[in-house]
Amino acid sequence: MVKIKRLEAKVLVLPLLNKEIRITRLVLLEPDVLIERDKSGRWNFEFEKTRDFPSEGCAASGFPLPRIGFQQVQVEKGRVSYRDEESGTLCCLRSTFSLQVRKA
């Protein structure tokens, strides 16, 4: 599960005409990420497969997926928690952290 207080994205418009998404700046403010495993061993990010996966580069509807590029990604005041009900483990990165990544 992921909760985000605010998401900011700066997207270039012209590349959209070529089915490209170019994000020059992406900011995630106060993301709260929970990774957990239930007593049966199933992770909260696992999904059941309902049909065959589409061919590479295509969405389930058969349309080509757009290319996506990022220049700068910034995470402010993030928190990550891990809970394993199978083993009874609980770990939290409770202190806030900030992360900034730029394309070289």
N, C-alpha and C. Protein backbone atom coordinates (compact mmCIF):
# COMPACT_ATOMS: atom_id res chain seq x y z
N MET A 1 0.84 -1.17 0.00
CA MET A 1 0.00 0.00 0.00
C MET A 1 0.89 1.24 0.00
N VAL A 2 0.49 2.22 -0.75
CA VAL A 2 1.22 3.47 -0.81
C VAL A 2 0.22 4.62 -0.68
N LYS A 3 0.53 5.54 0.23
CA LYS A 3 -0.24 6.78 0.36
C LYS A 3 0.72 7.92 0.11
N ILE A 4 0.26 8.92 -0.58
CA ILE A 4 1.08 10.10 -0.86
C ILE A 4 0.25 11.33 -0.54
N LYS A 5 0.82 12.20 0.29
CA LYS A 5 0.09 13.41 0.66
C LYS A 5 -0.09 14.32 -0.56
N ARG A 6 0.99 14.46 -1.34
CA ARG A 6 0.91 15.30 -2.54
C ARG A 6 1.89 14.79 -3.58
N LEU A 7 1.49 14.84 -4.83
CA LEU A 7 2.34 14.46 -5.95
C LEU A 7 2.37 15.63 -6.92
N GLU A 8 3.57 16.04 -7.29
CA GLU A 8 3.72 17.12 -8.26
C GLU A 8 4.49 16.56 -9.45
N ALA A 9 4.03 16.87 -10.65
CA ALA A 9 4.72 16.40 -11.85
C ALA A 9 4.76 17.52 -12.88
N LYS A 10 5.92 17.73 -13.45
CA LYS A 10 6.08 18.68 -14.54
C LYS A 10 6.33 17.86 -15.80
N VAL A 11 5.38 17.93 -16.74
CA VAL A 11 5.40 17.09 -17.93
C VAL A 11 5.54 17.97 -19.17
N LEU A 12 6.43 17.56 -20.08
CA LEU A 12 6.57 18.27 -21.35
C LEU A 12 5.40 17.87 -22.25
N VAL A 13 4.78 18.85 -22.91
CA VAL A 13 3.56 18.60 -23.68
C VAL A 13 3.84 18.05 -25.07
N LEU A 14 4.78 18.60 -25.81
CA LEU A 14 5.01 18.17 -27.19
C LEU A 14 5.34 16.68 -27.34
N PRO A 15 6.16 16.08 -26.48
CA PRO A 15 6.42 14.65 -26.62
C PRO A 15 5.17 13.77 -26.50
N LEU A 16 4.11 14.28 -25.86
CA LEU A 16 2.87 13.52 -25.75
C LEU A 16 2.29 13.19 -27.13
N LEU A 17 2.54 14.05 -28.11
CA LEU A 17 2.05 13.81 -29.47
C LEU A 17 2.72 12.58 -30.10
N ASN A 18 3.91 12.24 -29.62
CA ASN A 18 4.64 11.06 -30.11
C ASN A 18 4.50 9.87 -29.15
N LYS A 19 3.50 9.92 -28.30
CA LYS A 19 3.23 8.86 -27.32
C LYS A 19 4.40 8.65 -26.37
N GLU A 20 5.03 9.76 -26.00
CA GLU A 20 6.11 9.74 -25.02
C GLU A 20 5.70 10.60 -23.84
N ILE A 21 6.01 10.13 -22.65
CA ILE A 21 5.76 10.92 -21.45
C ILE A 21 7.12 11.30 -20.88
N ARG A 22 7.42 12.58 -20.94
CA ARG A 22 8.69 13.07 -20.41
C ARG A 22 8.40 13.92 -19.19
N ILE A 23 8.76 13.39 -18.05
CA ILE A 23 8.55 14.08 -16.78
C ILE A 23 9.87 14.72 -16.39
N THR A 24 9.89 16.05 -16.38
CA THR A 24 11.14 16.74 -16.06
C THR A 24 11.34 16.84 -14.55
N ARG A 25 10.24 16.80 -13.79
CA ARG A 25 10.34 16.87 -12.33
C ARG A 25 9.16 16.14 -11.72
N LEU A 26 9.46 15.23 -10.80
CA LEU A 26 8.44 14.49 -10.07
C LEU A 26 8.75 14.61 -8.59
N VAL A 27 7.79 15.13 -7.81
CA VAL A 27 7.97 15.31 -6.37
C VAL A 27 6.89 14.51 -5.64
N LEU A 28 7.32 13.66 -4.71
CA LEU A 28 6.41 12.92 -3.85
C LEU A 28 6.56 13.48 -2.44
N LEU A 29 5.51 14.08 -1.91
CA LEU A 29 5.55 14.67 -0.58
C LEU A 29 4.88 13.73 0.41
N GLU A 30 5.63 13.36 1.43
CA GLU A 30 5.18 12.48 2.50
C GLU A 30 4.60 11.15 2.01
N PRO A 31 5.36 10.42 1.18
CA PRO A 31 4.87 9.09 0.81
C PRO A 31 4.99 8.15 2.01
N ASP A 32 3.99 7.31 2.17
CA ASP A 32 3.95 6.33 3.25
C ASP A 32 3.78 4.97 2.58
N VAL A 33 4.82 4.16 2.62
CA VAL A 33 4.83 2.86 1.93
C VAL A 33 4.74 1.75 2.97
N LEU A 34 3.78 0.84 2.79
CA LEU A 34 3.65 -0.32 3.66
C LEU A 34 3.83 -1.57 2.83
N ILE A 35 4.85 -2.35 3.18
CA ILE A 35 5.09 -3.64 2.54
C ILE A 35 4.76 -4.69 3.58
N GLU A 36 3.82 -5.57 3.25
CA GLU A 36 3.44 -6.56 4.26
C GLU A 36 3.17 -7.92 3.63
N ARG A 37 3.32 -8.93 4.49
CA ARG A 37 3.06 -10.31 4.10
C ARG A 37 2.08 -10.89 5.12
N ASP A 38 0.99 -11.50 4.63
CA ASP A 38 0.00 -12.04 5.56
C ASP A 38 0.43 -13.41 6.08
N LYS A 39 -0.40 -13.99 6.93
CA LYS A 39 -0.05 -15.27 7.57
C LYS A 39 0.12 -16.41 6.58
N SER A 40 -0.52 -16.30 5.42
CA SER A 40 -0.39 -17.35 4.40
C SER A 40 0.83 -17.14 3.51
N GLY A 41 1.58 -16.05 3.71
CA GLY A 41 2.79 -15.79 2.93
C GLY A 41 2.57 -14.92 1.70
N ARG A 42 1.37 -14.41 1.52
CA ARG A 42 1.07 -13.58 0.35
C ARG A 42 1.42 -12.12 0.63
N TRP A 43 2.12 -11.49 -0.33
CA TRP A 43 2.53 -10.09 -0.21
C TRP A 43 1.40 -9.16 -0.63
N ASN A 44 1.37 -7.95 -0.10
CA ASN A 44 0.30 -7.01 -0.43
C ASN A 44 0.43 -6.41 -1.83
N PHE A 45 1.50 -6.69 -2.53
CA PHE A 45 1.64 -6.19 -3.89
C PHE A 45 1.49 -7.31 -4.92
N GLU A 46 1.08 -8.49 -4.50
CA GLU A 46 0.84 -9.60 -5.42
C GLU A 46 -0.60 -9.53 -5.92
N PHE A 47 -0.76 -9.77 -7.20
CA PHE A 47 -2.10 -9.78 -7.80
C PHE A 47 -2.28 -11.09 -8.54
N GLU A 48 -3.50 -11.58 -8.53
CA GLU A 48 -3.78 -12.82 -9.23
C GLU A 48 -3.77 -12.57 -10.73
N LYS A 49 -3.23 -13.53 -11.45
CA LYS A 49 -3.18 -13.44 -12.90
C LYS A 49 -4.55 -13.86 -13.43
N THR A 50 -5.20 -12.96 -14.16
CA THR A 50 -6.53 -13.26 -14.68
C THR A 50 -6.50 -13.72 -16.13
N ARG A 51 -5.46 -13.36 -16.86
CA ARG A 51 -5.32 -13.79 -18.25
C ARG A 51 -3.86 -13.69 -18.65
N ASP A 52 -3.54 -14.14 -19.83
CA ASP A 52 -2.16 -14.11 -20.29
C ASP A 52 -1.66 -12.68 -20.36
N PHE A 53 -0.38 -12.51 -20.06
CA PHE A 53 0.22 -11.19 -20.15
C PHE A 53 0.30 -10.78 -21.61
N PRO A 54 0.11 -9.49 -21.90
CA PRO A 54 0.21 -9.02 -23.28
C PRO A 54 1.65 -9.08 -23.77
N SER A 55 1.80 -8.94 -25.06
CA SER A 55 3.15 -8.94 -25.61
C SER A 55 3.92 -7.75 -25.08
N GLU A 56 5.23 -7.86 -25.12
CA GLU A 56 6.09 -6.81 -24.57
C GLU A 56 5.82 -5.48 -25.25
N GLY A 57 5.67 -4.43 -24.44
CA GLY A 57 5.45 -3.09 -24.97
C GLY A 57 4.00 -2.75 -25.24
N CYS A 58 3.09 -3.67 -24.91
CA CYS A 58 1.67 -3.42 -25.15
C CYS A 58 0.90 -3.52 -23.83
N ALA A 59 -0.11 -2.70 -23.72
CA ALA A 59 -0.99 -2.77 -22.55
C ALA A 59 -1.97 -3.91 -22.75
N ALA A 60 -2.72 -4.26 -21.71
CA ALA A 60 -3.68 -5.36 -21.78
C ALA A 60 -4.71 -5.13 -22.87
N SER A 61 -5.01 -3.87 -23.20
CA SER A 61 -5.99 -3.55 -24.23
C SER A 61 -5.43 -3.74 -25.63
N GLY A 62 -4.11 -4.00 -25.75
CA GLY A 62 -3.49 -4.18 -27.05
C GLY A 62 -2.86 -2.92 -27.60
N PHE A 63 -3.02 -1.78 -26.93
CA PHE A 63 -2.41 -0.53 -27.38
C PHE A 63 -0.97 -0.48 -26.92
N PRO A 64 -0.08 0.10 -27.73
CA PRO A 64 1.31 0.23 -27.30
C PRO A 64 1.42 1.12 -26.07
N LEU A 65 2.30 0.75 -25.16
CA LEU A 65 2.55 1.55 -23.97
C LEU A 65 3.42 2.75 -24.33
N PRO A 66 3.17 3.91 -23.74
CA PRO A 66 4.02 5.06 -24.02
C PRO A 66 5.37 4.91 -23.35
N ARG A 67 6.38 5.53 -23.95
CA ARG A 67 7.69 5.58 -23.30
C ARG A 67 7.64 6.65 -22.23
N ILE A 68 8.26 6.36 -21.09
CA ILE A 68 8.25 7.30 -19.97
C ILE A 68 9.68 7.60 -19.58
N GLY A 69 10.01 8.88 -19.41
CA GLY A 69 11.34 9.28 -18.98
C GLY A 69 11.26 10.30 -17.86
N PHE A 70 12.21 10.22 -16.94
CA PHE A 70 12.28 11.13 -15.80
C PHE A 70 13.62 11.83 -15.82
N GLN A 71 13.64 13.13 -15.48
CA GLN A 71 14.89 13.85 -15.32
C GLN A 71 15.22 14.05 -13.85
N GLN A 72 14.22 14.32 -13.03
CA GLN A 72 14.45 14.57 -11.61
C GLN A 72 13.31 13.97 -10.81
N VAL A 73 13.66 13.17 -9.80
CA VAL A 73 12.67 12.60 -8.88
C VAL A 73 13.08 13.00 -7.47
N GLN A 74 12.12 13.52 -6.72
CA GLN A 74 12.40 14.00 -5.37
C GLN A 74 11.36 13.41 -4.42
N VAL A 75 11.84 12.85 -3.31
CA VAL A 75 10.97 12.31 -2.26
C VAL A 75 11.24 13.13 -1.00
N GLU A 76 10.17 13.67 -0.43
CA GLU A 76 10.31 14.50 0.78
C GLU A 76 9.51 13.87 1.91
N LYS A 77 10.16 13.72 3.05
CA LYS A 77 9.53 13.21 4.27
C LYS A 77 8.85 11.86 4.06
N GLY A 78 9.59 10.93 3.48
CA GLY A 78 9.04 9.61 3.22
C GLY A 78 9.12 8.68 4.42
N ARG A 79 8.25 7.67 4.44
CA ARG A 79 8.26 6.67 5.51
C ARG A 79 8.01 5.30 4.88
N VAL A 80 8.77 4.31 5.33
CA VAL A 80 8.63 2.94 4.84
C VAL A 80 8.41 2.02 6.03
N SER A 81 7.40 1.15 5.94
CA SER A 81 7.10 0.18 6.99
C SER A 81 7.05 -1.21 6.38
N TYR A 82 7.50 -2.20 7.15
CA TYR A 82 7.47 -3.59 6.72
C TYR A 82 6.83 -4.40 7.84
N ARG A 83 5.80 -5.17 7.49
CA ARG A 83 5.12 -6.01 8.47
C ARG A 83 4.99 -7.42 7.89
N ASP A 84 5.42 -8.40 8.67
CA ASP A 84 5.34 -9.80 8.26
C ASP A 84 4.52 -10.54 9.30
N GLU A 85 3.24 -10.78 9.00
CA GLU A 85 2.36 -11.47 9.94
C GLU A 85 2.72 -12.94 10.07
N GLU A 86 3.39 -13.48 9.07
CA GLU A 86 3.80 -14.88 9.11
C GLU A 86 4.84 -15.11 10.19
N SER A 87 5.82 -14.20 10.30
CA SER A 87 6.88 -14.35 11.29
C SER A 87 6.70 -13.43 12.51
N GLY A 88 5.76 -12.49 12.42
CA GLY A 88 5.54 -11.55 13.52
C GLY A 88 6.50 -10.38 13.53
N THR A 89 7.18 -10.14 12.43
CA THR A 89 8.17 -9.07 12.34
C THR A 89 7.51 -7.75 11.94
N LEU A 90 7.93 -6.68 12.57
CA LEU A 90 7.47 -5.34 12.22
C LEU A 90 8.67 -4.41 12.24
N CYS A 91 8.95 -3.77 11.14
CA CYS A 91 10.05 -2.82 11.04
C CYS A 91 9.52 -1.54 10.42
N CYS A 92 9.90 -0.41 10.98
CA CYS A 92 9.46 0.87 10.45
C CYS A 92 10.64 1.82 10.36
N LEU A 93 10.75 2.49 9.26
CA LEU A 93 11.67 3.61 9.13
C LEU A 93 10.83 4.83 9.47
N ARG A 94 10.75 5.12 10.76
CA ARG A 94 9.84 6.16 11.24
C ARG A 94 10.40 7.56 11.04
N SER A 95 11.69 7.66 11.06
CA SER A 95 12.25 8.99 10.83
C SER A 95 12.02 9.36 9.38
N THR A 96 11.78 10.60 9.15
CA THR A 96 11.52 11.04 7.78
C THR A 96 12.84 11.08 7.03
N PHE A 97 12.73 10.90 5.74
CA PHE A 97 13.92 10.99 4.90
C PHE A 97 13.56 11.77 3.66
N SER A 98 14.58 12.32 3.03
CA SER A 98 14.40 13.02 1.77
C SER A 98 15.40 12.45 0.78
N LEU A 99 14.99 12.36 -0.46
CA LEU A 99 15.82 11.77 -1.51
C LEU A 99 15.61 12.57 -2.77
N GLN A 100 16.71 12.87 -3.45
CA GLN A 100 16.60 13.59 -4.73
C GLN A 100 17.52 12.90 -5.72
N VAL A 101 16.98 12.56 -6.88
CA VAL A 101 17.74 11.89 -7.93
C VAL A 101 17.61 12.72 -9.20
N ARG A 102 18.74 13.01 -9.82
CA ARG A 102 18.73 13.76 -11.07
C ARG A 102 19.43 12.96 -12.16
N LYS A 103 18.95 13.13 -13.37
CA LYS A 103 19.59 12.48 -14.52
C LYS A 103 20.92 13.17 -14.77
N ALA A 104 21.96 12.36 -14.94
CA ALA A 104 23.30 12.93 -15.13
C ALA A 104 23.47 13.52 -16.51
